[in-house]
C-alpha cells in the first residue's frame, strides 16, 4: 500500500462575473464540504482556493485538485467557472516558502481580494 503525502494546493478559477455575495457564499459552503480548505479569496470574476490534499503522488493530487470545483459546483452553489491556474507543493516545500520573511502564510477564511 502506498503511503500518502500532504500537498498544498492553490486552485485558481475564473469565468463570467457573479455577485460578490454569490461567490462568498459558495466558498463558505465549499469550506464545509471540503474540510481541509484553508482559505478562499475572491472577486466577481475569479477566485483562489488554498487547501491541503492527501495523495500518494503529485499526479493524483493534480487529478483531485482539477475535479474539486466541478464536483462541488452544484452542492456548494459555485459559479460555472473553469480552472485557470493550479499550483501543488509538497508539504516541506510549502513550509519552507512560508518560513521566508517576504512570503506570508495564507490567511484563514474566505475574503475578497484586497
C-alpha atoms as a PDB file:
ATOM      1  CA  UNK A   1       0.000   0.000   0.000  1.00  0.00           C
ATOM      2  CA  UNK A   2       1.335   3.420  -0.962  1.00  0.00           C
ATOM      3  CA  UNK A   3       1.719   5.990   1.768  1.00  0.00           C
ATOM      4  CA  UNK A   4       0.021   9.338   1.339  1.00  0.00           C
ATOM      5  CA  UNK A   5       1.679  12.720   1.393  1.00  0.00           C
ATOM      6  CA  UNK A   6       0.063  16.065   2.126  1.00  0.00           C
ATOM      7  CA  UNK A   7       0.165  18.542  -0.742  1.00  0.00           C
ATOM      8  CA  UNK A   8      -0.619  22.242  -0.513  1.00  0.00           C
ATOM      9  CA  UNK A   9      -2.929  23.169  -3.386  1.00  0.00           C
ATOM     10  CA  UNK A  10      -3.672  26.609  -4.795  1.00  0.00           C
ATOM     11  CA  UNK A  11      -6.541  26.355  -7.265  1.00  0.00           C
ATOM     12  CA  UNK A  12      -7.467  29.417  -9.322  1.00  0.00           C
ATOM     13  CA  UNK A  13     -10.769  29.582 -11.187  1.00  0.00           C
ATOM     14  CA  UNK A  14     -12.314  32.290 -13.374  1.00  0.00           C
ATOM     15  CA  UNK A  15     -15.339  32.985 -15.504  1.00  0.00           C
ATOM     16  CA  UNK A  16     -18.247  35.324 -16.144  1.00  0.00           C
ATOM     17  CA  UNK A  17     -18.913  37.818 -13.337  1.00  0.00           C
ATOM     18  CA  UNK A  18     -21.220  36.910 -10.454  1.00  0.00           C
ATOM     19  CA  UNK A  19     -22.152  38.865  -7.353  1.00  0.00           C
ATOM     20  CA  UNK A  20     -19.652  39.032  -4.506  1.00  0.00           C
ATOM     21  CA  UNK A  21     -22.313  37.525  -2.257  1.00  0.00           C
ATOM     22  CA  UNK A  22     -22.713  34.504  -4.549  1.00  0.00           C
ATOM     23  CA  UNK A  23     -19.010  33.675  -4.670  1.00  0.00           C
ATOM     24  CA  UNK A  24     -18.564  34.358  -0.951  1.00  0.00           C
ATOM     25  CA  UNK A  25     -21.445  32.057  -0.041  1.00  0.00           C
ATOM     26  CA  UNK A  26     -20.222  29.371  -2.445  1.00  0.00           C
ATOM     27  CA  UNK A  27     -16.710  29.411  -0.981  1.00  0.00           C
ATOM     28  CA  UNK A  28     -18.081  29.318   2.568  1.00  0.00           C
ATOM     29  CA  UNK A  29     -20.156  26.270   1.641  1.00  0.00           C
ATOM     30  CA  UNK A  30     -17.138  24.670  -0.063  1.00  0.00           C
ATOM     31  CA  UNK A  31     -15.132  25.125   3.134  1.00  0.00           C
ATOM     32  CA  UNK A  32     -17.695  22.977   4.983  1.00  0.00           C
ATOM     33  CA  UNK A  33     -17.839  20.356   2.244  1.00  0.00           C
ATOM     34  CA  UNK A  34     -14.048  20.142   1.858  1.00  0.00           C
ATOM     35  CA  UNK A  35     -12.706  20.162   5.434  1.00  0.00           C
ATOM     36  CA  UNK A  36      -9.027  20.675   4.532  1.00  0.00           C
ATOM     37  CA  UNK A  37      -9.725  24.063   2.916  1.00  0.00           C
ATOM     38  CA  UNK A  38      -7.525  26.761   4.432  1.00  0.00           C
ATOM     39  CA  UNK A  39      -8.766  29.861   2.679  1.00  0.00           C
ATOM     40  CA  UNK A  40     -10.549  31.328  -0.278  1.00  0.00           C
ATOM     41  CA  UNK A  41     -10.040  34.707  -1.892  1.00  0.00           C
ATOM     42  CA  UNK A  42     -12.417  36.032  -4.498  1.00  0.00           C
ATOM     43  CA  UNK A  43     -13.558  38.774  -6.840  1.00  0.00           C
ATOM     44  CA  UNK A  44     -16.600  38.933  -9.090  1.00  0.00           C
ATOM     45  CA  UNK A  45     -14.853  37.049 -11.919  1.00  0.00           C
ATOM     46  CA  UNK A  46     -12.218  34.837 -10.260  1.00  0.00           C
ATOM     47  CA  UNK A  47     -11.333  33.038  -7.053  1.00  0.00           C
ATOM     48  CA  UNK A  48      -8.372  31.315  -5.459  1.00  0.00           C
ATOM     49  CA  UNK A  49      -8.705  28.422  -3.038  1.00  0.00           C
ATOM     50  CA  UNK A  50      -5.916  27.141  -0.789  1.00  0.00           C
ATOM     51  CA  UNK A  51      -6.206  23.730   0.812  1.00  0.00           C
ATOM     52  CA  UNK A  52      -4.405  20.521   1.774  1.00  0.00           C
ATOM     53  CA  UNK A  53      -4.838  17.379  -0.281  1.00  0.00           C
ATOM     54  CA  UNK A  54      -3.763  13.919   0.812  1.00  0.00           C
ATOM     55  CA  UNK A  55      -2.488  11.788  -2.058  1.00  0.00           C
ATOM     56  CA  UNK A  56       0.313   9.305  -2.768  1.00  0.00           C
ATOM     57  CA  UNK A  57       1.870  11.449  -5.522  1.00  0.00           C
ATOM     58  CA  UNK A  58       1.589  14.785  -7.294  1.00  0.00           C
ATOM     59  CA  UNK A  59      -0.256  13.257 -10.273  1.00  0.00           C
ATOM     60  CA  UNK A  60      -3.060  12.036  -8.021  1.00  0.00           C
ATOM     61  CA  UNK A  61      -3.128  15.359  -6.149  1.00  0.00           C
ATOM     62  CA  UNK A  62      -3.430  17.144  -9.501  1.00  0.00           C
ATOM     63  CA  UNK A  63      -6.349  14.971 -10.621  1.00  0.00           C
ATOM     64  CA  UNK A  64      -8.134  15.585  -7.325  1.00  0.00           C
ATOM     65  CA  UNK A  65      -7.489  19.338  -7.493  1.00  0.00           C
ATOM     66  CA  UNK A  66      -8.797  19.642 -11.037  1.00  0.00           C
ATOM     67  CA  UNK A  67     -12.011  17.883 -10.055  1.00  0.00           C
ATOM     68  CA  UNK A  68     -12.669  19.874  -6.852  1.00  0.00           C
ATOM     69  CA  UNK A  69     -14.549  22.825  -8.387  1.00  0.00           C
ATOM     70  CA  UNK A  70     -16.754  20.842 -10.800  1.00  0.00           C
ATOM     71  CA  UNK A  71     -17.589  18.198  -8.168  1.00  0.00           C
ATOM     72  CA  UNK A  72     -18.758  20.820  -5.658  1.00  0.00           C
ATOM     73  CA  UNK A  73     -20.302  23.252  -8.150  1.00  0.00           C
ATOM     74  CA  UNK A  74     -23.934  22.250  -7.582  1.00  0.00           C
ATOM     75  CA  UNK A  75     -23.782  21.314  -3.905  1.00  0.00           C
ATOM     76  CA  UNK A  76     -21.862  24.448  -2.835  1.00  0.00           C
ATOM     77  CA  UNK A  77     -23.546  26.825  -5.285  1.00  0.00           C
ATOM     78  CA  UNK A  78     -20.277  27.685  -7.024  1.00  0.00           C
ATOM     79  CA  UNK A  79     -20.249  29.659 -10.282  1.00  0.00           C
ATOM     80  CA  UNK A  80     -19.733  27.810 -13.576  1.00  0.00           C
ATOM     81  CA  UNK A  81     -16.108  28.900 -13.711  1.00  0.00           C
ATOM     82  CA  UNK A  82     -13.149  26.961 -15.057  1.00  0.00           C
ATOM     83  CA  UNK A  83      -9.716  26.211 -13.632  1.00  0.00           C
ATOM     84  CA  UNK A  84      -7.193  28.744 -14.945  1.00  0.00           C
ATOM     85  CA  UNK A  85      -4.319  28.012 -12.575  1.00  0.00           C
ATOM     86  CA  UNK A  86      -3.012  25.298 -10.318  1.00  0.00           C
ATOM     87  CA  UNK A  87      -0.025  25.054  -8.004  1.00  0.00           C
ATOM     88  CA  UNK A  88       0.707  21.939  -5.957  1.00  0.00           C
ATOM     89  CA  UNK A  89       3.555  21.833  -3.473  1.00  0.00           C
ATOM     90  CA  UNK A  90       4.799  19.065  -1.234  1.00  0.00           C
ATOM     91  CA  UNK A  91       4.325  19.961   2.430  1.00  0.00           C
ATOM     92  CA  UNK A  92       8.045  20.541   3.138  1.00  0.00           C
ATOM     93  CA  UNK A  93       8.416  22.904   0.171  1.00  0.00           C
ATOM     94  CA  UNK A  94       5.316  24.854   1.177  1.00  0.00           C
ATOM     95  CA  UNK A  95       6.564  25.211   4.748  1.00  0.00           C
ATOM     96  CA  UNK A  96       9.992  26.359   3.591  1.00  0.00           C
ATOM     97  CA  UNK A  97       8.312  29.050   1.479  1.00  0.00           C
ATOM     98  CA  UNK A  98       6.257  30.205   4.452  1.00  0.00           C
ATOM     99  CA  UNK A  99       9.418  30.498   6.537  1.00  0.00           C
ATOM    100  CA  UNK A 100      10.776  33.140   4.160  1.00  0.00           C
ATOM    101  CA  UNK A 101      10.195  36.623   5.643  1.00  0.00           C
ATOM    102  CA  UNK A 102       8.739  38.129   2.440  1.00  0.00           C
ATOM    103  CA  UNK A 103       6.201  35.275   1.922  1.00  0.00           C
ATOM    104  CA  UNK A 104       3.364  35.428   4.458  1.00  0.00           C
ATOM    105  CA  UNK A 105       1.243  32.400   5.304  1.00  0.00           C
ATOM    106  CA  UNK A 106      -2.158  32.093   3.676  1.00  0.00           C
ATOM    107  CA  UNK A 107      -4.848  33.968   5.582  1.00  0.00           C
ATOM    108  CA  UNK A 108      -7.504  31.685   7.040  1.00  0.00           C
ATOM    109  CA  UNK A 109     -11.114  32.001   5.968  1.00  0.00           C
ATOM    110  CA  UNK A 110     -12.881  33.426   2.954  1.00  0.00           C
ATOM    111  CA  UNK A 111     -12.228  37.042   1.968  1.00  0.00           C
ATOM    112  CA  UNK A 112     -12.273  39.277  -1.108  1.00  0.00           C
ATOM    113  CA  UNK A 113      -9.003  40.161  -2.844  1.00  0.00           C
ATOM    114  CA  UNK A 114      -7.665  43.362  -1.340  1.00  0.00           C
END
